[in-house]
Amino acid sequence: MAGCTMGGQKCLYKLQSASVHFIAAKHTTPFKRYVDDINFRLVSYHFFTCCHVSAMSISETWYAIKDHGTNYCNLYNLMEGKIGQQYGSGLTEVGGYKEVTSDFLCTQRSSANCIVY
């Protein structure tokens, strides 16, 4: 797929707001058009040389519990940064990057396929 012209899973993100410490966005799933709310909280430490990022993605659809890891992938795809042919943050490749999560925190994370979902 060339870029996001076909609206794949790594597309359909929309920035809602951004400030020094908070980012809010929405992601629409390509097939069923479910909308997920995404929030990032950024806190610097070690005299502004490091940043701790907390993030959450929640489906606006109340019954989307078994989501094949979609909410996890919403966050991971933005952190990875390979969105269509454009490259975003690329933070997963940066030295010191550490992901702390689990299936308890992100439903079905261990079975998530972030290319498909």
PDB file of N, CA and C in Angstrom:
ATOM      1  N   MET A   1       0.850  -1.171   0.000  1.00  0.00           N
ATOM      2  CA  MET A   1       0.000   0.000   0.000  1.00  0.00           C
ATOM      3  C   MET A   1       0.898   1.237   0.000  1.00  0.00           C
ATOM      4  N   ALA A   2       0.604   2.161  -0.857  1.00  0.00           N
ATOM      5  CA  ALA A   2       1.380   3.390  -0.940  1.00  0.00           C
ATOM      6  C   ALA A   2       0.783   4.430   0.003  1.00  0.00           C
ATOM      7  N   GLY A   3       1.482   4.713   1.093  1.00  0.00           N
ATOM      8  CA  GLY A   3       1.006   5.707   2.042  1.00  0.00           C
ATOM      9  C   GLY A   3      -0.298   5.300   2.695  1.00  0.00           C
ATOM     10  N   CYS A   4      -1.159   6.271   2.923  1.00  0.00           N
ATOM     11  CA  CYS A   4      -2.424   6.004   3.596  1.00  0.00           C
ATOM     12  C   CYS A   4      -3.621   6.225   2.682  1.00  0.00           C
ATOM     13  N   THR A   5      -3.410   6.160   1.393  1.00  0.00           N
ATOM     14  CA  THR A   5      -4.512   6.405   0.463  1.00  0.00           C
ATOM     15  C   THR A   5      -5.612   5.368   0.588  1.00  0.00           C
ATOM     16  N   MET A   6      -5.267   4.167   1.028  1.00  0.00           N
ATOM     17  CA  MET A   6      -6.266   3.108   1.180  1.00  0.00           C
ATOM     18  C   MET A   6      -6.811   3.039   2.612  1.00  0.00           C
ATOM     19  N   GLY A   7      -6.296   3.863   3.522  1.00  0.00           N
ATOM     20  CA  GLY A   7      -6.819   3.929   4.885  1.00  0.00           C
ATOM     21  C   GLY A   7      -6.560   2.699   5.724  1.00  0.00           C
ATOM     22  N   GLY A   8      -5.362   2.151   5.697  1.00  0.00           N
ATOM     23  CA  GLY A   8      -5.032   0.960   6.472  1.00  0.00           C
ATOM     24  C   GLY A   8      -4.979   1.219   7.972  1.00  0.00           C
ATOM     25  N   GLN A   9      -4.672   0.176   8.730  1.00  0.00           N
ATOM     26  CA  GLN A   9      -4.674   0.247  10.193  1.00  0.00           C
ATOM     27  C   GLN A   9      -3.709   1.302  10.727  1.00  0.00           C
ATOM     28  N   LYS A  10      -2.599   1.510  10.051  1.00  0.00           N
ATOM     29  CA  LYS A  10      -1.619   2.482  10.533  1.00  0.00           C
ATOM     30  C   LYS A  10      -1.961   3.897  10.084  1.00  0.00           C
ATOM     31  N   CYS A  11      -3.148   4.073   9.568  1.00  0.00           N
ATOM     32  CA  CYS A  11      -3.616   5.385   9.120  1.00  0.00           C
ATOM     33  C   CYS A  11      -4.841   5.762   9.951  1.00  0.00           C
ATOM     34  N   LEU A  12      -5.514   6.789   9.538  1.00  0.00           N
ATOM     35  CA  LEU A  12      -6.761   7.221  10.156  1.00  0.00           C
ATOM     36  C   LEU A  12      -6.587   7.717  11.597  1.00  0.00           C
ATOM     37  N   TYR A  13      -5.427   8.312  11.885  1.00  0.00           N
ATOM     38  CA  TYR A  13      -5.194   8.985  13.162  1.00  0.00           C
ATOM     39  C   TYR A  13      -5.525  10.459  12.985  1.00  0.00           C
ATOM     40  N   LYS A  14      -6.079  11.069  14.024  1.00  0.00           N
ATOM     41  CA  LYS A  14      -6.381  12.497  13.954  1.00  0.00           C
ATOM     42  C   LYS A  14      -5.997  13.150  15.281  1.00  0.00           C
ATOM     43  N   LEU A  15      -5.107  14.129  15.204  1.00  0.00           N
ATOM     44  CA  LEU A  15      -4.688  14.863  16.390  1.00  0.00           C
ATOM     45  C   LEU A  15      -5.841  15.728  16.877  1.00  0.00           C
ATOM     46  N   GLN A  16      -6.134  15.640  18.168  1.00  0.00           N
ATOM     47  CA  GLN A  16      -7.189  16.442  18.773  1.00  0.00           C
ATOM     48  C   GLN A  16      -6.615  17.669  19.468  1.00  0.00           C
ATOM     49  N   SER A  17      -5.538  17.453  20.227  1.00  0.00           N
ATOM     50  CA  SER A  17      -4.889  18.570  20.910  1.00  0.00           C
ATOM     51  C   SER A  17      -3.482  18.150  21.327  1.00  0.00           C
ATOM     52  N   ALA A  18      -2.651  19.142  21.548  1.00  0.00           N
ATOM     53  CA  ALA A  18      -1.275  18.873  21.988  1.00  0.00           C
ATOM     54  C   ALA A  18      -0.780  20.051  22.819  1.00  0.00           C
ATOM     55  N   SER A  19      -0.061  19.734  23.881  1.00  0.00           N
ATOM     56  CA  SER A  19       0.579  20.745  24.711  1.00  0.00           C
ATOM     57  C   SER A  19       1.932  20.191  25.125  1.00  0.00           C
ATOM     58  N   VAL A  20       2.612  20.895  25.997  1.00  0.00           N
ATOM     59  CA  VAL A  20       3.942  20.473  26.429  1.00  0.00           C
ATOM     60  C   VAL A  20       3.900  19.089  27.083  1.00  0.00           C
ATOM     61  N   HIS A  21       2.841  18.799  27.836  1.00  0.00           N
ATOM     62  CA  HIS A  21       2.794  17.561  28.604  1.00  0.00           C
ATOM     63  C   HIS A  21       1.711  16.568  28.183  1.00  0.00           C
ATOM     64  N   PHE A  22       0.832  16.947  27.269  1.00  0.00           N
ATOM     65  CA  PHE A  22      -0.268  16.061  26.902  1.00  0.00           C
ATOM     66  C   PHE A  22      -0.527  16.080  25.398  1.00  0.00           C
ATOM     67  N   ILE A  23      -0.857  14.915  24.868  1.00  0.00           N
ATOM     68  CA  ILE A  23      -1.264  14.781  23.470  1.00  0.00           C
ATOM     69  C   ILE A  23      -2.550  13.966  23.454  1.00  0.00           C
ATOM     70  N   ALA A  24      -3.544  14.423  22.728  1.00  0.00           N
ATOM     71  CA  ALA A  24      -4.803  13.691  22.586  1.00  0.00           C
ATOM     72  C   ALA A  24      -5.074  13.498  21.097  1.00  0.00           C
ATOM     73  N   ALA A  25      -5.510  12.290  20.753  1.00  0.00           N
ATOM     74  CA  ALA A  25      -5.793  11.974  19.350  1.00  0.00           C
ATOM     75  C   ALA A  25      -6.935  10.966  19.286  1.00  0.00           C
ATOM     76  N   LYS A  26      -7.374  10.708  18.084  1.00  0.00           N
ATOM     77  CA  LYS A  26      -8.379   9.677  17.840  1.00  0.00           C
ATOM     78  C   LYS A  26      -7.874   8.793  16.708  1.00  0.00           C
ATOM     79  N   HIS A  27      -8.249   7.525  16.760  1.00  0.00           N
ATOM     80  CA  HIS A  27      -7.933   6.601  15.680  1.00  0.00           C
ATOM     81  C   HIS A  27      -9.220   5.906  15.269  1.00  0.00           C
ATOM     82  N   THR A  28      -9.453   5.853  13.971  1.00  0.00           N
ATOM     83  CA  THR A  28     -10.623   5.156  13.441  1.00  0.00           C
ATOM     84  C   THR A  28     -10.148   3.856  12.814  1.00  0.00           C
ATOM     85  N   THR A  29     -10.763   2.738  13.206  1.00  0.00           N
ATOM     86  CA  THR A  29     -10.366   1.454  12.630  1.00  0.00           C
ATOM     87  C   THR A  29     -10.843   1.404  11.183  1.00  0.00           C
ATOM     88  N   PRO A  30     -10.039   0.801  10.298  1.00  0.00           N
ATOM     89  CA  PRO A  30     -10.338   0.881   8.868  1.00  0.00           C
ATOM     90  C   PRO A  30     -11.582   0.104   8.412  1.00  0.00           C
ATOM     91  N   PHE A  31     -11.914  -0.979   9.066  1.00  0.00           N
ATOM     92  CA  PHE A  31     -13.003  -1.800   8.539  1.00  0.00           C
ATOM     93  C   PHE A  31     -14.347  -1.495   9.183  1.00  0.00           C
ATOM     94  N   LYS A  32     -14.408  -1.535  10.490  1.00  0.00           N
ATOM     95  CA  LYS A  32     -15.684  -1.310  11.173  1.00  0.00           C
ATOM     96  C   LYS A  32     -15.899   0.136  11.586  1.00  0.00           C
ATOM     97  N   ARG A  33     -14.864   0.967  11.387  1.00  0.00           N
ATOM     98  CA  ARG A  33     -14.944   2.396  11.698  1.00  0.00           C
ATOM     99  C   ARG A  33     -15.198   2.695  13.173  1.00  0.00           C
ATOM    100  N   TYR A  34     -14.688   1.829  14.051  1.00  0.00           N
ATOM    101  CA  TYR A  34     -14.741   2.124  15.477  1.00  0.00           C
ATOM    102  C   TYR A  34     -13.773   3.267  15.758  1.00  0.00           C
ATOM    103  N   VAL A  35     -14.094   4.091  16.732  1.00  0.00           N
ATOM    104  CA  VAL A  35     -13.230   5.215  17.092  1.00  0.00           C
ATOM    105  C   VAL A  35     -12.631   4.960  18.466  1.00  0.00           C
ATOM    106  N   ASP A  36     -11.320   5.149  18.556  1.00  0.00           N
ATOM    107  CA  ASP A  36     -10.589   4.967  19.809  1.00  0.00           C
ATOM    108  C   ASP A  36      -9.998   6.303  20.233  1.00  0.00           C
ATOM    109  N   ASP A  37     -10.084   6.610  21.521  1.00  0.00           N
ATOM    110  CA  ASP A  37      -9.495   7.822  22.086  1.00  0.00           C
ATOM    111  C   ASP A  37      -8.098   7.496  22.600  1.00  0.00           C
ATOM    112  N   ILE A  38      -7.126   8.303  22.217  1.00  0.00           N
ATOM    113  CA  ILE A  38      -5.725   8.076  22.566  1.00  0.00           C
ATOM    114  C   ILE A  38      -5.207   9.274  23.344  1.00  0.00           C
ATOM    115  N   ASN A  39      -4.522   9.008  24.453  1.00  0.00           N
ATOM    116  CA  ASN A  39      -3.939  10.072  25.269  1.00  0.00           C
ATOM    117  C   ASN A  39      -2.519   9.711  25.664  1.00  0.00           C
ATOM    118  N   PHE A  40      -1.631  10.679  25.530  1.00  0.00           N
ATOM    119  CA  PHE A  40      -0.249  10.531  25.966  1.00  0.00           C
ATOM    120  C   PHE A  40       0.039  11.588  27.015  1.00  0.00           C
ATOM    121  N   ARG A  41       0.783  11.206  28.044  1.00  0.00           N
ATOM    122  CA  ARG A  41       1.254  12.139  29.068  1.00  0.00           C
ATOM    123  C   ARG A  41       2.775  12.067  29.058  1.00  0.00           C
ATOM    124  N   LEU A  42       3.432  13.204  28.944  1.00  0.00           N
ATOM    125  CA  LEU A  42       4.891  13.268  28.852  1.00  0.00           C
ATOM    126  C   LEU A  42       5.454  14.005  30.056  1.00  0.00           C
ATOM    127  N   VAL A  43       6.422  13.382  30.730  1.00  0.00           N
ATOM    128  CA  VAL A  43       7.051  13.987  31.899  1.00  0.00           C
ATOM    129  C   VAL A  43       8.568  13.856  31.744  1.00  0.00           C
ATOM    130  N   SER A  44       9.254  14.983  31.763  1.00  0.00           N
ATOM    131  CA  SER A  44      10.715  14.946  31.652  1.00  0.00           C
ATOM    132  C   SER A  44      11.342  14.711  33.024  1.00  0.00           C
ATOM    133  N   TYR A  45      12.526  14.134  33.012  1.00  0.00           N
ATOM    134  CA  TYR A  45      13.282  13.926  34.244  1.00  0.00           C
ATOM    135  C   TYR A  45      14.770  13.901  33.918  1.00  0.00           C
ATOM    136  N   HIS A  46      15.614  13.746  34.918  1.00  0.00           N
ATOM    137  CA  HIS A  46      17.075  13.820  34.767  1.00  0.00           C
ATOM    138  C   HIS A  46      17.476  15.106  34.048  1.00  0.00           C
ATOM    139  N   PHE A  47      17.005  16.239  34.584  1.00  0.00           N
ATOM    140  CA  PHE A  47      17.339  17.555  34.026  1.00  0.00           C
ATOM    141  C   PHE A  47      16.990  17.650  32.539  1.00  0.00           C
ATOM    142  N   PHE A  48      15.806  17.142  32.181  1.00  0.00           N
ATOM    143  CA  PHE A  48      15.257  17.224  30.830  1.00  0.00           C
ATOM    144  C   PHE A  48      16.009  16.390  29.793  1.00  0.00           C
ATOM    145  N   THR A  49      16.791  15.405  30.232  1.00  0.00           N
ATOM    146  CA  THR A  49      17.498  14.559  29.274  1.00  0.00           C
ATOM    147  C   THR A  49      16.710  13.289  28.948  1.00  0.00           C
ATOM    148  N   CYS A  50      15.697  12.980  29.755  1.00  0.00           N
ATOM    149  CA  CYS A  50      14.875  11.791  29.547  1.00  0.00           C
ATOM    150  C   CYS A  50      13.399  12.169  29.624  1.00  0.00           C
ATOM    151  N   CYS A  51      12.570  11.304  29.076  1.00  0.00           N
ATOM    152  CA  CYS A  51      11.135  11.568  29.094  1.00  0.00           C
ATOM    153  C   CYS A  51      10.389  10.271  29.411  1.00  0.00           C
ATOM    154  N   HIS A  52       9.483  10.346  30.351  1.00  0.00           N
ATOM    155  CA  HIS A  52       8.611   9.219  30.688  1.00  0.00           C
ATOM    156  C   HIS A  52       7.276   9.476  30.008  1.00  0.00           C
ATOM    157  N   VAL A  53       6.819   8.503  29.222  1.00  0.00           N
ATOM    158  CA  VAL A  53       5.559   8.647  28.499  1.00  0.00           C
ATOM    159  C   VAL A  53       4.575   7.612  29.017  1.00  0.00           C
ATOM    160  N   SER A  54       3.426   8.078  29.462  1.00  0.00           N
ATOM    161  CA  SER A  54       2.318   7.196  29.830  1.00  0.00           C
ATOM    162  C   SER A  54       1.263   7.387  28.761  1.00  0.00           C
ATOM    163  N   ALA A  55       0.648   6.286  28.347  1.00  0.00           N
ATOM    164  CA  ALA A  55      -0.334   6.398  27.271  1.00  0.00           C
ATOM    165  C   ALA A  55      -1.513   5.470  27.514  1.00  0.00           C
ATOM    166  N   MET A  56      -2.638   5.843  26.919  1.00  0.00           N
ATOM    167  CA  MET A  56      -3.852   5.047  27.043  1.00  0.00           C
ATOM    168  C   MET A  56      -4.660   5.175  25.762  1.00  0.00           C
ATOM    169  N   SER A  57      -5.199   4.057  25.306  1.00  0.00           N
ATOM    170  CA  SER A  57      -6.111   4.053  24.167  1.00  0.00           C
ATOM    171  C   SER A  57      -7.367   3.311  24.612  1.00  0.00           C
ATOM    172  N   ILE A  58      -8.509   3.954  24.435  1.00  0.00           N
ATOM    173  CA  ILE A  58      -9.779   3.373  24.871  1.00  0.00           C
ATOM    174  C   ILE A  58     -10.771   3.467  23.728  1.00  0.00           C
ATOM    175  N   SER A  59     -11.420   2.362  23.440  1.00  0.00           N
ATOM    176  CA  SER A  59     -12.435   2.359  22.398  1.00  0.00           C
ATOM    177  C   SER A  59     -13.675   3.107  22.861  1.00  0.00           C
ATOM    178  N   GLU A  60     -14.240   3.928  21.981  1.00  0.00           N
ATOM    179  CA  GLU A  60     -15.496   4.607  22.308  1.00  0.00           C
ATOM    180  C   GLU A  60     -16.669   3.629  22.293  1.00  0.00           C
ATOM    181  N   THR A  61     -16.457   2.464  21.695  1.00  0.00           N
ATOM    182  CA  THR A  61     -17.478   1.421  21.661  1.00  0.00           C
ATOM    183  C   THR A  61     -17.354   0.605  22.939  1.00  0.00           C
ATOM    184  N   TRP A  62     -18.352   0.617  23.782  1.00  0.00           N
ATOM    185  CA  TRP A  62     -18.276   0.015  25.105  1.00  0.00           C
ATOM    186  C   TRP A  62     -18.048  -1.492  25.074  1.00  0.00           C
ATOM    187  N   TYR A  63     -18.458  -2.171  24.040  1.00  0.00           N
ATOM    188  CA  TYR A  63     -18.359  -3.633  24.009  1.00  0.00           C
ATOM    189  C   TYR A  63     -17.090  -4.141  23.311  1.00  0.00           C
ATOM    190  N   ALA A  64     -16.175  -3.262  22.966  1.00  0.00           N
ATOM    191  CA  ALA A  64     -14.938  -3.661  22.279  1.00  0.00           C
ATOM    192  C   ALA A  64     -13.879  -4.087  23.296  1.00  0.00           C
ATOM    193  N   ILE A  65     -14.112  -5.219  23.953  1.00  0.00           N
ATOM    194  CA  ILE A  65     -13.174  -5.714  24.962  1.00  0.00           C
ATOM    195  C   ILE A  65     -12.141  -6.626  24.315  1.00  0.00           C
ATOM    196  N   LYS A  66     -12.576  -7.599  23.581  1.00  0.00           N
ATOM    197  CA  LYS A  66     -11.669  -8.507  22.867  1.00  0.00           C
ATOM    198  C   LYS A  66     -11.385  -7.881  21.512  1.00  0.00           C
ATOM    199  N   ASP A  67     -10.400  -6.981  21.494  1.00  0.00           N
ATOM    200  CA  ASP A  67     -10.158  -6.142  20.314  1.00  0.00           C
ATOM    201  C   ASP A  67      -8.945  -6.567  19.494  1.00  0.00           C
ATOM    202  N   HIS A  68      -8.435  -7.774  19.734  1.00  0.00           N
ATOM    203  CA  HIS A  68      -7.256  -8.283  19.027  1.00  0.00           C
ATOM    204  C   HIS A  68      -6.048  -7.379  19.238  1.00  0.00           C
ATOM    205  N   GLY A  69      -6.013  -6.683  20.361  1.00  0.00           N
ATOM    206  CA  GLY A  69      -4.893  -5.804  20.667  1.00  0.00           C
ATOM    207  C   GLY A  69      -4.944  -4.463  19.957  1.00  0.00           C
ATOM    208  N   THR A  70      -6.098  -4.108  19.413  1.00  0.00           N
ATOM    209  CA  THR A  70      -6.205  -2.853  18.651  1.00  0.00           C
ATOM    210  C   THR A  70      -5.771  -1.642  19.461  1.00  0.00           C
ATOM    211  N   ASN A  71      -6.206  -1.533  20.701  1.00  0.00           N
ATOM    212  CA  ASN A  71      -5.831  -0.360  21.504  1.00  0.00           C
ATOM    213  C   ASN A  71      -4.335  -0.343  21.792  1.00  0.00           C
ATOM    214  N   TYR A  72      -3.739  -1.503  22.021  1.00  0.00           N
ATOM    215  CA  TYR A  72      -2.286  -1.568  22.173  1.00  0.00           C
ATOM    216  C   TYR A  72      -1.616  -1.099  20.882  1.00  0.00           C
ATOM    217  N   CYS A  73      -2.083  -1.595  19.753  1.00  0.00           N
ATOM    218  CA  CYS A  73      -1.481  -1.245  18.464  1.00  0.00           C
ATOM    219  C   CYS A  73      -1.644   0.236  18.142  1.00  0.00           C
ATOM    220  N   ASN A  74      -2.747   0.844  18.574  1.00  0.00           N
ATOM    221  CA  ASN A  74      -2.906   2.291  18.383  1.00  0.00           C
ATOM    222  C   ASN A  74      -1.707   3.026  18.958  1.00  0.00           C
ATOM    223  N   LEU A  75      -1.289   2.620  20.146  1.00  0.00           N
ATOM    224  CA  LEU A  75      -0.169   3.275  20.828  1.00  0.00           C
ATOM    225  C   LEU A  75       1.164   2.865  20.215  1.00  0.00           C
ATOM    226  N   TYR A  76       1.344   1.570  20.005  1.00  0.00           N
ATOM    227  CA  TYR A  76       2.619   1.072  19.488  1.00  0.00           C
ATOM    228  C   TYR A  76       2.918   1.648  18.102  1.00  0.00           C
ATOM    229  N   ASN A  77       1.911   1.675  17.231  1.00  0.00           N
ATOM    230  CA  ASN A  77       2.148   2.176  15.878  1.00  0.00           C
ATOM    231  C   ASN A  77       2.597   3.638  15.886  1.00  0.00           C
ATOM    232  N   LEU A  78       2.076   4.422  16.800  1.00  0.00           N
ATOM    233  CA  LEU A  78       2.527   5.814  16.901  1.00  0.00           C
ATOM    234  C   LEU A  78       3.942   5.895  17.462  1.00  0.00           C
ATOM    235  N   MET A  79       4.258   5.042  18.436  1.00  0.00           N
ATOM    236  CA  MET A  79       5.604   5.057  19.017  1.00  0.00           C
ATOM    237  C   MET A  79       6.630   4.548  18.006  1.00  0.00           C
ATOM    238  N   GLU A  80       6.258   3.509  17.263  1.00  0.00           N
ATOM    239  CA  GLU A  80       7.164   2.965  16.254  1.00  0.00           C
ATOM    240  C   GLU A  80       7.404   3.995  15.153  1.00  0.00           C
ATOM    241  N   GLY A  81       6.340   4.624  14.735  1.00  0.00           N
ATOM    242  CA  GLY A  81       6.470   5.725  13.804  1.00  0.00           C
ATOM    243  C   GLY A  81       6.391   5.383  12.342  1.00  0.00           C
ATOM    244  N   LYS A  82       6.216   4.115  11.988  1.00  0.00           N
ATOM    245  CA  LYS A  82       6.144   3.758  10.570  1.00  0.00           C
ATOM    246  C   LYS A  82       4.682   3.792  10.131  1.00  0.00           C
ATOM    247  N   ILE A  83       4.221   4.984   9.813  1.00  0.00           N
ATOM    248  CA  ILE A  83       2.831   5.203   9.431  1.00  0.00           C
ATOM    249  C   ILE A  83       2.805   5.441   7.925  1.00  0.00           C
ATOM    250  N   GLY A  84       2.244   4.501   7.173  1.00  0.00           N
ATOM    251  CA  GLY A  84       2.241   4.626   5.720  1.00  0.00           C
ATOM    252  C   GLY A  84       3.673   4.710   5.228  1.00  0.00           C
ATOM    253  N   GLN A  85       3.954   5.634   4.336  1.00  0.00           N
ATOM    254  CA  GLN A  85       5.329   5.823   3.869  1.00  0.00           C
ATOM    255  C   GLN A  85       6.038   6.907   4.663  1.00  0.00           C
ATOM    256  N   GLN A  86       5.316   7.529   5.568  1.00  0.00           N
ATOM    257  CA  GLN A  86       5.924   8.559   6.401  1.00  0.00           C
ATOM    258  C   GLN A  86       6.448   7.910   7.673  1.00  0.00           C
ATOM    259  N   TYR A  87       7.518   8.443   8.189  1.00  0.00           N
ATOM    260  CA  TYR A  87       8.067   7.913   9.424  1.00  0.00           C
ATOM    261  C   TYR A  87       7.874   8.938  10.517  1.00  0.00           C
ATOM    262  N   GLY A  88       7.199   8.527  11.580  1.00  0.00           N
ATOM    263  CA  GLY A  88       6.900   9.416  12.692  1.00  0.00           C
ATOM    264  C   GLY A  88       8.016   9.422  13.705  1.00  0.00           C
ATOM    265  N   SER A  89       7.688   9.106  14.931  1.00  0.00           N
ATOM    266  CA  SER A  89       8.615   9.267  16.044  1.00  0.00           C
ATOM    267  C   SER A  89       9.813   8.328  15.974  1.00  0.00           C
ATOM    268  N   GLY A  90       9.623   7.093  15.611  1.00  0.00           N
ATOM    269  CA  GLY A  90      10.719   6.127  15.603  1.00  0.00           C
ATOM    270  C   GLY A  90      11.270   5.843  16.989  1.00  0.00           C
ATOM    271  N   LEU A  91      10.480   6.120  18.016  1.00  0.00           N
ATOM    272  CA  LEU A  91      10.978   6.005  19.391  1.00  0.00           C
ATOM    273  C   LEU A  91      11.330   4.584  19.803  1.00  0.00           C
ATOM    274  N   THR A  92      10.746   3.578  19.181  1.00  0.00           N
ATOM    275  CA  THR A  92      11.061   2.202  19.566  1.00  0.00           C
ATOM    276  C   THR A  92      12.490   1.823  19.198  1.00  0.00           C
ATOM    277  N   GLU A  93      13.135   2.612  18.343  1.00  0.00           N
ATOM    278  CA  GLU A  93      14.513   2.340  17.922  1.00  0.00           C
ATOM    279  C   GLU A  93      15.544   3.140  18.714  1.00  0.00           C
ATOM    280  N   VAL A  94      15.102   4.037  19.562  1.00  0.00           N
ATOM    281  CA  VAL A  94      16.007   4.916  20.301  1.00  0.00           C
ATOM    282  C   VAL A  94      16.591   4.180  21.504  1.00  0.00           C
ATOM    283  N   GLY A  95      17.880   4.365  21.738  1.00  0.00           N
ATOM    284  CA  GLY A  95      18.519   3.777  22.906  1.00  0.00           C
ATOM    285  C   GLY A  95      17.831   4.233  24.188  1.00  0.00           C
ATOM    286  N   GLY A  96      17.591   3.295  25.080  1.00  0.00           N
ATOM    287  CA  GLY A  96      16.916   3.610  26.328  1.00  0.00           C
ATOM    288  C   GLY A  96      15.410   3.429  26.272  1.00  0.00           C
ATOM    289  N   TYR A  97      14.869   3.176  25.067  1.00  0.00           N
ATOM    290  CA  TYR A  97      13.426   2.939  24.959  1.00  0.00           C
ATOM    291  C   TYR A  97      13.067   1.680  25.738  1.00  0.00           C
ATOM    292  N   LYS A  98      12.024   1.763  26.523  1.00  0.00           N
ATOM    293  CA  LYS A  98      11.579   0.620  27.315  1.00  0.00           C
ATOM    294  C   LYS A  98      10.053   0.629  27.346  1.00  0.00           C
ATOM    295  N   GLU A  99       9.469  -0.500  27.028  1.00  0.00           N
ATOM    296  CA  GLU A  99       8.016  -0.634  27.057  1.00  0.00           C
ATOM    297  C   GLU A  99       7.641  -1.459  28.278  1.00  0.00           C
ATOM    298  N   VAL A 100       6.707  -0.948  29.068  1.00  0.00           N
ATOM    299  CA  VAL A 100       6.236  -1.656  30.252  1.00  0.00           C
ATOM    300  C   VAL A 100       4.725  -1.816  30.111  1.00  0.00           C
ATOM    301  N   THR A 101       4.298  -3.037  29.836  1.00  0.00           N
ATOM    302  CA  THR A 101       2.866  -3.322  29.705  1.00  0.00           C
ATOM    303  C   THR A 101       2.627  -4.810  29.915  1.00  0.00           C
ATOM    304  N   SER A 102       1.397  -5.225  29.782  1.00  0.00           N
ATOM    305  CA  SER A 102       1.026  -6.637  29.959  1.00  0.00           C
ATOM    306  C   SER A 102      -0.353  -6.843  29.356  1.00  0.00           C
ATOM    307  N   ASP A 103      -0.781  -8.092  29.292  1.00  0.00           N
ATOM    308  CA  ASP A 103      -2.139  -8.381  28.824  1.00  0.00           C
ATOM    309  C   ASP A 103      -3.182  -7.846  29.794  1.00  0.00           C
ATOM    310  N   PHE A 104      -2.814  -7.698  31.058  1.00  0.00           N
ATOM    311  CA  PHE A 104      -3.735  -7.123  32.037  1.00  0.00           C
ATOM    312  C   PHE A 104      -3.978  -5.641  31.741  1.00  0.00           C
ATOM    313  N   LEU A 105      -2.898  -4.932  31.392  1.00  0.00           N
ATOM    314  CA  LEU A 105      -3.011  -3.507  31.096  1.00  0.00           C
ATOM    315  C   LEU A 105      -3.557  -3.249  29.693  1.00  0.00           C
ATOM    316  N   CYS A 106      -3.141  -4.062  28.728  1.00  0.00           N
ATOM    317  CA  CYS A 106      -3.574  -3.922  27.325  1.00  0.00           C
ATOM    318  C   CYS A 106      -4.156  -5.252  26.862  1.00  0.00           C
ATOM    319  N   THR A 107      -5.468  -5.316  26.811  1.00  0.00           N
ATOM    320  CA  THR A 107      -6.163  -6.554  26.458  1.00  0.00           C
ATOM    321  C   THR A 107      -5.611  -7.154  25.163  1.00  0.00           C
ATOM    322  N   GLN A 108      -5.239  -8.422  25.230  1.00  0.00           N
ATOM    323  CA  GLN A 108      -4.747  -9.212  24.098  1.00  0.00           C
ATOM    324  C   GLN A 108      -3.461  -8.665  23.469  1.00  0.00           C
ATOM    325  N   ARG A 109      -2.660  -7.942  24.235  1.00  0.00           N
ATOM    326  CA  ARG A 109      -1.406  -7.410  23.722  1.00  0.00           C
ATOM    327  C   ARG A 109      -0.472  -8.498  23.208  1.00  0.00           C
ATOM    328  N   SER A 110      -0.381  -9.610  23.918  1.00  0.00           N
ATOM    329  CA  SER A 110       0.568 -10.652  23.525  1.00  0.00           C
ATOM    330  C   SER A 110       0.213 -11.313  22.199  1.00  0.00           C
ATOM    331  N   SER A 111      -1.024 -11.208  21.771  1.00  0.00           N
ATOM    332  CA  SER A 111      -1.419 -11.800  20.483  1.00  0.00           C
ATOM    333  C   SER A 111      -1.695 -10.728  19.423  1.00  0.00           C
ATOM    334  N   ALA A 112      -1.345  -9.484  19.724  1.00  0.00           N
ATOM    335  CA  ALA A 112      -1.633  -8.374  18.808  1.00  0.00           C
ATOM    336  C   ALA A 112      -0.774  -8.471  17.540  1.00  0.00           C
ATOM    337  N   ASN A 113      -1.389  -8.159  16.420  1.00  0.00           N
ATOM    338  CA  ASN A 113      -0.675  -8.044  15.155  1.00  0.00           C
ATOM    339  C   ASN A 113      -0.862  -6.602  14.693  1.00  0.00           C
ATOM    340  N   CYS A 114       0.116  -5.765  14.957  1.00  0.00           N
ATOM    341  CA  CYS A 114      -0.048  -4.320  14.745  1.00  0.00           C
ATOM    342  C   CYS A 114       0.031  -3.906  13.282  1.00  0.00           C
ATOM    343  N   ILE A 115       0.262  -4.842  12.388  1.00  0.00           N
ATOM    344  CA  ILE A 115       0.169  -4.540  10.961  1.00  0.00           C
ATOM    345  C   ILE A 115      -1.289  -4.673  10.514  1.00  0.00           C
ATOM    346  N   VAL A 116      -1.970  -5.664  11.072  1.00  0.00           N
ATOM    347  CA  VAL A 116      -3.365  -5.919  10.708  1.00  0.00           C
ATOM    348  C   VAL A 116      -4.309  -5.107  11.564  1.00  0.00           C
ATOM    349  N   TYR A 117      -4.090  -5.073  12.902  1.00  0.00           N
ATOM    350  CA  TYR A 117      -5.024  -4.393  13.811  1.00  0.00           C
ATOM    351  C   TYR A 117      -4.446  -3.098  14.305  1.00  0.00           C
TER     352      TYR A 117
END
